[in-house]
Amino acid sequence: MEKRIYFILGLILILIGRTKEFINYKEFILAGEIILAITSLFFFADFIKFLDKKFFKK
């Protein structure tokens, strides 16, 4: 659940940065991209665990 919240937060920060209404919009985009990169690693790790349980049962 927390991963989804961070993922949505990253998307919101990127969208806010893309509007360019803020002075430091590049920092918003960078922060959003960092959050998305970290959460995507967690999602990928969960996906690998799922594949491991599904196809490589011991």
PDB file of N, CA and C in Angstrom:
ATOM      1  N   MET A   1       0.819  -1.194   0.000  1.00  0.00           N
ATOM      2  CA  MET A   1       0.000   0.000   0.000  1.00  0.00           C
ATOM      3  C   MET A   1       0.861   1.255   0.000  1.00  0.00           C
ATOM      4  N   GLU A   2       1.919   1.260   0.793  1.00  0.00           N
ATOM      5  CA  GLU A   2       2.789   2.433   0.841  1.00  0.00           C
ATOM      6  C   GLU A   2       3.482   2.661  -0.497  1.00  0.00           C
ATOM      7  N   LYS A   3       3.792   1.574  -1.200  1.00  0.00           N
ATOM      8  CA  LYS A   3       4.460   1.715  -2.492  1.00  0.00           C
ATOM      9  C   LYS A   3       3.579   2.461  -3.476  1.00  0.00           C
ATOM     10  N   ARG A   4       2.286   2.171  -3.446  1.00  0.00           N
ATOM     11  CA  ARG A   4       1.369   2.855  -4.354  1.00  0.00           C
ATOM     12  C   ARG A   4       1.273   4.334  -4.027  1.00  0.00           C
ATOM     13  N   ILE A   5       1.270   4.657  -2.750  1.00  0.00           N
ATOM     14  CA  ILE A   5       1.203   6.062  -2.343  1.00  0.00           C
ATOM     15  C   ILE A   5       2.442   6.808  -2.824  1.00  0.00           C
ATOM     16  N   TYR A   6       3.625   6.197  -2.654  1.00  0.00           N
ATOM     17  CA  TYR A   6       4.850   6.837  -3.123  1.00  0.00           C
ATOM     18  C   TYR A   6       4.867   6.956  -4.639  1.00  0.00           C
ATOM     19  N   PHE A   7       4.332   5.953  -5.329  1.00  0.00           N
ATOM     20  CA  PHE A   7       4.273   5.995  -6.787  1.00  0.00           C
ATOM     21  C   PHE A   7       3.401   7.156  -7.251  1.00  0.00           C
ATOM     22  N   ILE A   8       2.236   7.307  -6.632  1.00  0.00           N
ATOM     23  CA  ILE A   8       1.334   8.407  -6.977  1.00  0.00           C
ATOM     24  C   ILE A   8       1.964   9.747  -6.617  1.00  0.00           C
ATOM     25  N   LEU A   9       2.662   9.808  -5.484  1.00  0.00           N
ATOM     26  CA  LEU A   9       3.348  11.040  -5.092  1.00  0.00           C
ATOM     27  C   LEU A   9       4.403  11.428  -6.126  1.00  0.00           C
ATOM     28  N   GLY A  10       5.152  10.456  -6.617  1.00  0.00           N
ATOM     29  CA  GLY A  10       6.148  10.734  -7.648  1.00  0.00           C
ATOM     30  C   GLY A  10       5.516  11.264  -8.917  1.00  0.00           C
ATOM     31  N   LEU A  11       4.394  10.676  -9.336  1.00  0.00           N
ATOM     32  CA  LEU A  11       3.699  11.164 -10.527  1.00  0.00           C
ATOM     33  C   LEU A  11       3.195  12.584 -10.332  1.00  0.00           C
ATOM     34  N   ILE A  12       2.661  12.872  -9.153  1.00  0.00           N
ATOM     35  CA  ILE A  12       2.158  14.219  -8.872  1.00  0.00           C
ATOM     36  C   ILE A  12       3.295  15.236  -8.913  1.00  0.00           C
ATOM     37  N   LEU A  13       4.441  14.885  -8.334  1.00  0.00           N
ATOM     38  CA  LEU A  13       5.574  15.818  -8.355  1.00  0.00           C
ATOM     39  C   LEU A  13       6.041  16.093  -9.781  1.00  0.00           C
ATOM     40  N   ILE A  14       6.062  15.061 -10.619  1.00  0.00           N
ATOM     41  CA  ILE A  14       6.473  15.276 -12.008  1.00  0.00           C
ATOM     42  C   ILE A  14       5.461  16.157 -12.732  1.00  0.00           C
ATOM     43  N   LEU A  15       4.172  15.912 -12.515  1.00  0.00           N
ATOM     44  CA  LEU A  15       3.154  16.733 -13.172  1.00  0.00           C
ATOM     45  C   LEU A  15       3.207  18.176 -12.701  1.00  0.00           C
ATOM     46  N   ILE A  16       3.444  18.393 -11.411  1.00  0.00           N
ATOM     47  CA  ILE A  16       3.587  19.759 -10.902  1.00  0.00           C
ATOM     48  C   ILE A  16       4.798  20.425 -11.547  1.00  0.00           C
ATOM     49  N   GLY A  17       5.886  19.684 -11.666  1.00  0.00           N
ATOM     50  CA  GLY A  17       7.076  20.248 -12.282  1.00  0.00           C
ATOM     51  C   GLY A  17       6.890  20.550 -13.754  1.00  0.00           C
ATOM     52  N   ARG A  18       6.059  19.765 -14.435  1.00  0.00           N
ATOM     53  CA  ARG A  18       5.830  19.982 -15.868  1.00  0.00           C
ATOM     54  C   ARG A  18       4.995  21.224 -16.139  1.00  0.00           C
ATOM     55  N   THR A  19       4.215  21.684 -15.156  1.00  0.00           N
ATOM     56  CA  THR A  19       3.395  22.870 -15.388  1.00  0.00           C
ATOM     57  C   THR A  19       4.251  24.128 -15.471  1.00  0.00           C
ATOM     58  N   LYS A  20       5.441  24.097 -14.876  1.00  0.00           N
ATOM     59  CA  LYS A  20       6.421  25.192 -14.918  1.00  0.00           C
ATOM     60  C   LYS A  20       5.896  26.483 -14.299  1.00  0.00           C
ATOM     61  N   GLU A  21       4.885  26.383 -13.451  1.00  0.00           N
ATOM     62  CA  GLU A  21       4.390  27.575 -12.767  1.00  0.00           C
ATOM     63  C   GLU A  21       5.226  27.885 -11.532  1.00  0.00           C
ATOM     64  N   PHE A  22       6.032  26.935 -11.134  1.00  0.00           N
ATOM     65  CA  PHE A  22       6.852  27.115  -9.946  1.00  0.00           C
ATOM     66  C   PHE A  22       8.255  27.550 -10.354  1.00  0.00           C
ATOM     67  N   ILE A  23       8.943  28.225  -9.464  1.00  0.00           N
ATOM     68  CA  ILE A  23      10.287  28.713  -9.763  1.00  0.00           C
ATOM     69  C   ILE A  23      11.255  27.554  -9.912  1.00  0.00           C
ATOM     70  N   ASN A  24      11.198  26.603  -8.986  1.00  0.00           N
ATOM     71  CA  ASN A  24      12.135  25.480  -8.990  1.00  0.00           C
ATOM     72  C   ASN A  24      11.463  24.214  -9.516  1.00  0.00           C
ATOM     73  N   TYR A  25      10.906  24.296 -10.717  1.00  0.00           N
ATOM     74  CA  TYR A  25      10.172  23.145 -11.238  1.00  0.00           C
ATOM     75  C   TYR A  25      11.087  21.971 -11.553  1.00  0.00           C
ATOM     76  N   LYS A  26      12.350  22.229 -11.864  1.00  0.00           N
ATOM     77  CA  LYS A  26      13.265  21.123 -12.172  1.00  0.00           C
ATOM     78  C   LYS A  26      13.501  20.242 -10.949  1.00  0.00           C
ATOM     79  N   GLU A  27      13.493  20.836  -9.770  1.00  0.00           N
ATOM     80  CA  GLU A  27      13.650  20.043  -8.553  1.00  0.00           C
ATOM     81  C   GLU A  27      12.436  19.149  -8.316  1.00  0.00           C
ATOM     82  N   PHE A  28      11.240  19.641  -8.670  1.00  0.00           N
ATOM     83  CA  PHE A  28      10.043  18.809  -8.540  1.00  0.00           C
ATOM     84  C   PHE A  28      10.140  17.600  -9.465  1.00  0.00           C
ATOM     85  N   ILE A  29      10.563  17.835 -10.703  1.00  0.00           N
ATOM     86  CA  ILE A  29      10.684  16.732 -11.660  1.00  0.00           C
ATOM     87  C   ILE A  29      11.731  15.739 -11.185  1.00  0.00           C
ATOM     88  N   LEU A  30      12.863  16.230 -10.723  1.00  0.00           N
ATOM     89  CA  LEU A  30      13.930  15.341 -10.253  1.00  0.00           C
ATOM     90  C   LEU A  30      13.474  14.525  -9.048  1.00  0.00           C
ATOM     91  N   ALA A  31      12.806  15.166  -8.097  1.00  0.00           N
ATOM     92  CA  ALA A  31      12.319  14.438  -6.917  1.00  0.00           C
ATOM     93  C   ALA A  31      11.296  13.383  -7.317  1.00  0.00           C
ATOM     94  N   GLY A  32      10.411  13.721  -8.232  1.00  0.00           N
ATOM     95  CA  GLY A  32       9.424  12.752  -8.700  1.00  0.00           C
ATOM     96  C   GLY A  32      10.053  11.582  -9.411  1.00  0.00           C
ATOM     97  N   GLU A  33      11.070  11.853 -10.241  1.00  0.00           N
ATOM     98  CA  GLU A  33      11.739  10.767 -10.955  1.00  0.00           C
ATOM     99  C   GLU A  33      12.508   9.863 -10.003  1.00  0.00           C
ATOM    100  N   ILE A  34      13.110  10.436  -8.974  1.00  0.00           N
ATOM    101  CA  ILE A  34      13.826   9.610  -7.985  1.00  0.00           C
ATOM    102  C   ILE A  34      12.843   8.706  -7.241  1.00  0.00           C
ATOM    103  N   ILE A  35      11.703   9.266  -6.828  1.00  0.00           N
ATOM    104  CA  ILE A  35      10.697   8.458  -6.127  1.00  0.00           C
ATOM    105  C   ILE A  35      10.180   7.349  -7.035  1.00  0.00           C
ATOM    106  N   LEU A  36       9.919   7.671  -8.310  1.00  0.00           N
ATOM    107  CA  LEU A  36       9.431   6.649  -9.235  1.00  0.00           C
ATOM    108  C   LEU A  36      10.474   5.565  -9.473  1.00  0.00           C
ATOM    109  N   ALA A  37      11.740   5.947  -9.551  1.00  0.00           N
ATOM    110  CA  ALA A  37      12.789   4.947  -9.763  1.00  0.00           C
ATOM    111  C   ALA A  37      12.892   3.996  -8.576  1.00  0.00           C
ATOM    112  N   ILE A  38      12.835   4.534  -7.378  1.00  0.00           N
ATOM    113  CA  ILE A  38      12.938   3.681  -6.185  1.00  0.00           C
ATOM    114  C   ILE A  38      11.729   2.754  -6.075  1.00  0.00           C
ATOM    115  N   THR A  39      10.526   3.299  -6.289  1.00  0.00           N
ATOM    116  CA  THR A  39       9.337   2.446  -6.181  1.00  0.00           C
ATOM    117  C   THR A  39       9.285   1.421  -7.298  1.00  0.00           C
ATOM    118  N   SER A  40       9.786   1.761  -8.480  1.00  0.00           N
ATOM    119  CA  SER A  40       9.790   0.768  -9.559  1.00  0.00           C
ATOM    120  C   SER A  40      10.729  -0.382  -9.230  1.00  0.00           C
ATOM    121  N   LEU A  41      11.818  -0.108  -8.530  1.00  0.00           N
ATOM    122  CA  LEU A  41      12.693  -1.199  -8.096  1.00  0.00           C
ATOM    123  C   LEU A  41      11.973  -2.121  -7.121  1.00  0.00           C
ATOM    124  N   PHE A  42      11.190  -1.544  -6.213  1.00  0.00           N
ATOM    125  CA  PHE A  42      10.425  -2.369  -5.273  1.00  0.00           C
ATOM    126  C   PHE A  42       9.362  -3.193  -5.993  1.00  0.00           C
ATOM    127  N   PHE A  43       8.672  -2.572  -6.970  1.00  0.00           N
ATOM    128  CA  PHE A  43       7.672  -3.317  -7.736  1.00  0.00           C
ATOM    129  C   PHE A  43       8.328  -4.450  -8.514  1.00  0.00           C
ATOM    130  N   PHE A  44       9.505  -4.196  -9.077  1.00  0.00           N
ATOM    131  CA  PHE A  44      10.222  -5.225  -9.827  1.00  0.00           C
ATOM    132  C   PHE A  44      10.646  -6.362  -8.908  1.00  0.00           C
ATOM    133  N   ALA A  45      11.092  -6.029  -7.706  1.00  0.00           N
ATOM    134  CA  ALA A  45      11.483  -7.065  -6.742  1.00  0.00           C
ATOM    135  C   ALA A  45      10.275  -7.914  -6.349  1.00  0.00           C
ATOM    136  N   ASP A  46       9.126  -7.285  -6.153  1.00  0.00           N
ATOM    137  CA  ASP A  46       7.909  -8.048  -5.844  1.00  0.00           C
ATOM    138  C   ASP A  46       7.513  -8.942  -7.008  1.00  0.00           C
ATOM    139  N   PHE A  47       7.690  -8.458  -8.228  1.00  0.00           N
ATOM    140  CA  PHE A  47       7.365  -9.249  -9.412  1.00  0.00           C
ATOM    141  C   PHE A  47       8.278 -10.468  -9.522  1.00  0.00           C
ATOM    142  N   ILE A  48       9.565 -10.284  -9.234  1.00  0.00           N
ATOM    143  CA  ILE A  48      10.509 -11.405  -9.264  1.00  0.00           C
ATOM    144  C   ILE A  48      10.142 -12.434  -8.191  1.00  0.00           C
ATOM    145  N   LYS A  49       9.761 -11.972  -7.004  1.00  0.00           N
ATOM    146  CA  LYS A  49       9.328 -12.898  -5.947  1.00  0.00           C
ATOM    147  C   LYS A  49       8.093 -13.679  -6.381  1.00  0.00           C
ATOM    148  N   PHE A  50       7.159 -12.996  -7.044  1.00  0.00           N
ATOM    149  CA  PHE A  50       5.954 -13.662  -7.528  1.00  0.00           C
ATOM    150  C   PHE A  50       6.306 -14.738  -8.554  1.00  0.00           C
ATOM    151  N   LEU A  51       7.186 -14.401  -9.501  1.00  0.00           N
ATOM    152  CA  LEU A  51       7.593 -15.388 -10.502  1.00  0.00           C
ATOM    153  C   LEU A  51       8.308 -16.563  -9.862  1.00  0.00           C
ATOM    154  N   ASP A  52       9.120 -16.275  -8.877  1.00  0.00           N
ATOM    155  CA  ASP A  52       9.854 -17.338  -8.196  1.00  0.00           C
ATOM    156  C   ASP A  52       8.898 -18.299  -7.500  1.00  0.00           C
ATOM    157  N   LYS A  53       7.890 -17.762  -6.826  1.00  0.00           N
ATOM    158  CA  LYS A  53       6.922 -18.621  -6.137  1.00  0.00           C
ATOM    159  C   LYS A  53       6.056 -19.394  -7.131  1.00  0.00           C
ATOM    160  N   LYS A  54       5.701 -18.738  -8.234  1.00  0.00           N
ATOM    161  CA  LYS A  54       4.764 -19.340  -9.181  1.00  0.00           C
ATOM    162  C   LYS A  54       5.408 -20.449 -10.012  1.00  0.00           C
ATOM    163  N   PHE A  55       6.606 -20.207 -10.518  1.00  0.00           N
ATOM    164  CA  PHE A  55       7.190 -21.123 -11.492  1.00  0.00           C
ATOM    165  C   PHE A  55       8.324 -21.985 -10.958  1.00  0.00           C
ATOM    166  N   PHE A  56       8.950 -21.563  -9.892  1.00  0.00           N
ATOM    167  CA  PHE A  56      10.113 -22.298  -9.390  1.00  0.00           C
ATOM    168  C   PHE A  56       9.867 -22.796  -7.973  1.00  0.00           C
ATOM    169  N   LYS A  57       8.807 -23.568  -7.823  1.00  0.00           N
ATOM    170  CA  LYS A  57       8.481 -24.108  -6.498  1.00  0.00           C
ATOM    171  C   LYS A  57       9.518 -25.141  -6.104  1.00  0.00           C
ATOM    172  N   LYS A  58       9.913 -25.089  -4.860  1.00  0.00           N
ATOM    173  CA  LYS A  58      10.937 -26.022  -4.378  1.00  0.00           C
ATOM    174  C   LYS A  58      10.308 -27.198  -3.679  1.00  0.00           C
TER     175      LYS A  58
END
